[in-house]
Amino acid sequence: MTDTPPDRLSINPRSPHFDQPVLERGIGIRFKGVERNDVEEYSISEGWIRVALGKKVDRKGQPLTIKLTGPVEAYFQTPAEGAEAADEAAKGDDA
């Protein structure tokens, strides 16, 4: 697994951009320089995020969202499984 988050990701299982293994690693989003924890979907290349519009839902029970545009940065909150072992080996070699 690479250490670069996908260009587009959604937390909605109905979306074609949903990816469970990536979400389990934890994705952090920085939007306009501010950490955001309420992001439903994002696109780095297009420069937008979708966030829930309060507690409002549509007639199917899905949250209503609003698209905000601006610079988006995504990062993994936990390192990849192979990266942990490589980091430990590199630390051991330096000592």
C-alpha atoms as a PDB file:
ATOM      1  CA  MET A   1       0.000   0.000   0.000  1.00  0.00           C
ATOM      2  CA  THR A   2       1.366   3.428  -0.890  1.00  0.00           C
ATOM      3  CA  ASP A   3       1.693   6.277   1.539  1.00  0.00           C
ATOM      4  CA  THR A   4      -0.206   8.665  -0.750  1.00  0.00           C
ATOM      5  CA  PRO A   5      -3.953   8.999  -0.135  1.00  0.00           C
ATOM      6  CA  PRO A   6      -6.287   8.623  -3.120  1.00  0.00           C
ATOM      7  CA  ASP A   7      -7.158  11.721  -5.143  1.00  0.00           C
ATOM      8  CA  ARG A   8     -10.862  11.275  -4.378  1.00  0.00           C
ATOM      9  CA  LEU A   9     -12.483   9.434  -1.483  1.00  0.00           C
ATOM     10  CA  SER A  10     -15.956   9.165   0.045  1.00  0.00           C
ATOM     11  CA  ILE A  11     -17.195   7.734   3.349  1.00  0.00           C
ATOM     12  CA  ASN A  12     -20.551   6.783   1.805  1.00  0.00           C
ATOM     13  CA  PRO A  13     -20.629   3.030   0.933  1.00  0.00           C
ATOM     14  CA  ARG A  14     -22.975   3.764  -1.997  1.00  0.00           C
ATOM     15  CA  SER A  15     -20.356   5.963  -3.697  1.00  0.00           C
ATOM     16  CA  PRO A  16     -18.022   4.605  -6.396  1.00  0.00           C
ATOM     17  CA  HIS A  17     -15.201   6.445  -4.561  1.00  0.00           C
ATOM     18  CA  PHE A  18     -15.685   4.454  -1.323  1.00  0.00           C
ATOM     19  CA  ASP A  19     -12.601   2.429  -0.262  1.00  0.00           C
ATOM     20  CA  GLN A  20     -12.902   0.606   3.077  1.00  0.00           C
ATOM     21  CA  PRO A  21      -9.211  -0.396   3.563  1.00  0.00           C
ATOM     22  CA  VAL A  22      -8.084   3.200   3.002  1.00  0.00           C
ATOM     23  CA  LEU A  23     -10.694   4.531   5.431  1.00  0.00           C
ATOM     24  CA  GLU A  24      -9.619   2.008   8.093  1.00  0.00           C
ATOM     25  CA  ARG A  25      -6.111   3.489   7.997  1.00  0.00           C
ATOM     26  CA  GLY A  26      -7.556   6.889   8.785  1.00  0.00           C
ATOM     27  CA  ILE A  27      -7.505   9.918   6.502  1.00  0.00           C
ATOM     28  CA  GLY A  28      -6.804  13.414   7.736  1.00  0.00           C
ATOM     29  CA  ILE A  29      -8.030  16.391   5.713  1.00  0.00           C
ATOM     30  CA  ARG A  30      -6.573  19.881   5.800  1.00  0.00           C
ATOM     31  CA  PHE A  31      -8.839  22.354   3.975  1.00  0.00           C
ATOM     32  CA  LYS A  32      -7.595  25.926   3.507  1.00  0.00           C
ATOM     33  CA  GLY A  33      -4.962  25.223   6.153  1.00  0.00           C
ATOM     34  CA  VAL A  34      -7.486  24.068   8.798  1.00  0.00           C
ATOM     35  CA  GLU A  35      -7.933  20.469  10.002  1.00  0.00           C
ATOM     36  CA  ARG A  36     -11.448  19.188   9.207  1.00  0.00           C
ATOM     37  CA  ASN A  37     -13.086  16.168  10.860  1.00  0.00           C
ATOM     38  CA  ASP A  38     -16.509  16.496   9.225  1.00  0.00           C
ATOM     39  CA  VAL A  39     -15.614  15.737   5.584  1.00  0.00           C
ATOM     40  CA  GLU A  40     -17.960  13.336   3.773  1.00  0.00           C
ATOM     41  CA  GLU A  41     -16.046  13.311   0.463  1.00  0.00           C
ATOM     42  CA  TYR A  42     -13.065  15.116  -1.028  1.00  0.00           C
ATOM     43  CA  SER A  43     -11.228  15.629  -4.318  1.00  0.00           C
ATOM     44  CA  ILE A  44      -7.668  16.928  -4.230  1.00  0.00           C
ATOM     45  CA  SER A  45      -7.272  17.539  -7.979  1.00  0.00           C
ATOM     46  CA  GLU A  46     -10.597  19.380  -8.298  1.00  0.00           C
ATOM     47  CA  GLY A  47     -10.061  21.280  -5.012  1.00  0.00           C
ATOM     48  CA  TRP A  48     -13.278  20.630  -3.093  1.00  0.00           C
ATOM     49  CA  ILE A  49     -14.733  18.854  -0.066  1.00  0.00           C
ATOM     50  CA  ARG A  50     -18.302  17.883   0.819  1.00  0.00           C
ATOM     51  CA  VAL A  51     -19.503  18.402   4.380  1.00  0.00           C
ATOM     52  CA  ALA A  52     -22.823  17.618   6.030  1.00  0.00           C
ATOM     53  CA  LEU A  53     -25.288  20.490   6.223  1.00  0.00           C
ATOM     54  CA  GLY A  54     -26.161  20.268   9.902  1.00  0.00           C
ATOM     55  CA  LYS A  55     -28.446  17.352  10.779  1.00  0.00           C
ATOM     56  CA  LYS A  56     -30.586  17.688   7.664  1.00  0.00           C
ATOM     57  CA  VAL A  57     -31.248  14.528   5.642  1.00  0.00           C
ATOM     58  CA  ASP A  58     -32.862  13.876   2.288  1.00  0.00           C
ATOM     59  CA  ARG A  59     -35.934  11.688   1.802  1.00  0.00           C
ATOM     60  CA  LYS A  60     -33.736   8.570   1.659  1.00  0.00           C
ATOM     61  CA  GLY A  61     -32.092   9.349   4.994  1.00  0.00           C
ATOM     62  CA  GLN A  62     -28.752  10.430   3.522  1.00  0.00           C
ATOM     63  CA  PRO A  63     -27.207  13.615   4.943  1.00  0.00           C
ATOM     64  CA  LEU A  64     -27.533  16.754   2.864  1.00  0.00           C
ATOM     65  CA  THR A  65     -24.098  18.031   1.918  1.00  0.00           C
ATOM     66  CA  ILE A  66     -22.580  21.254   0.674  1.00  0.00           C
ATOM     67  CA  LYS A  67     -19.530  21.507  -1.586  1.00  0.00           C
ATOM     68  CA  LEU A  68     -16.783  23.866  -0.413  1.00  0.00           C
ATOM     69  CA  THR A  69     -13.976  24.791  -2.802  1.00  0.00           C
ATOM     70  CA  GLY A  70     -10.388  25.565  -1.930  1.00  0.00           C
ATOM     71  CA  PRO A  71      -7.005  23.886  -1.480  1.00  0.00           C
ATOM     72  CA  VAL A  72      -7.333  20.351  -0.091  1.00  0.00           C
ATOM     73  CA  GLU A  73      -4.558  18.302   1.510  1.00  0.00           C
ATOM     74  CA  ALA A  74      -5.107  14.668   2.502  1.00  0.00           C
ATOM     75  CA  TYR A  75      -2.785  12.490   4.576  1.00  0.00           C
ATOM     76  CA  PHE A  76      -2.851   9.123   6.308  1.00  0.00           C
ATOM     77  CA  GLN A  77      -3.201   9.294  10.080  1.00  0.00           C
ATOM     78  CA  THR A  78      -1.492   5.912  10.566  1.00  0.00           C
ATOM     79  CA  PRO A  79       1.491   4.574   8.598  1.00  0.00           C
ATOM     80  CA  ALA A  80       1.174   1.594   6.264  1.00  0.00           C
ATOM     81  CA  GLU A  81       1.783  -1.853   7.808  1.00  0.00           C
ATOM     82  CA  GLY A  82       4.975  -2.418   5.801  1.00  0.00           C
ATOM     83  CA  ALA A  83       6.216   1.101   6.554  1.00  0.00           C
ATOM     84  CA  GLU A  84       6.227   0.434  10.320  1.00  0.00           C
ATOM     85  CA  ALA A  85       8.547  -2.542   9.895  1.00  0.00           C
ATOM     86  CA  ALA A  86      10.807  -0.571   7.527  1.00  0.00           C
ATOM     87  CA  ASP A  87      10.986   2.353  10.000  1.00  0.00           C
ATOM     88  CA  GLU A  88      11.932   0.010  12.852  1.00  0.00           C
ATOM     89  CA  ALA A  89      14.622  -1.647  10.711  1.00  0.00           C
ATOM     90  CA  ALA A  90      16.028   1.747   9.701  1.00  0.00           C
ATOM     91  CA  LYS A  91      16.153   2.876  13.346  1.00  0.00           C
ATOM     92  CA  GLY A  92      17.943  -0.338  14.293  1.00  0.00           C
ATOM     93  CA  ASP A  93      20.563   0.180  11.556  1.00  0.00           C
ATOM     94  CA  ASP A  94      21.299   3.733  12.710  1.00  0.00           C
ATOM     95  CA  ALA A  95      22.018   2.748  16.314  1.00  0.00           C
END
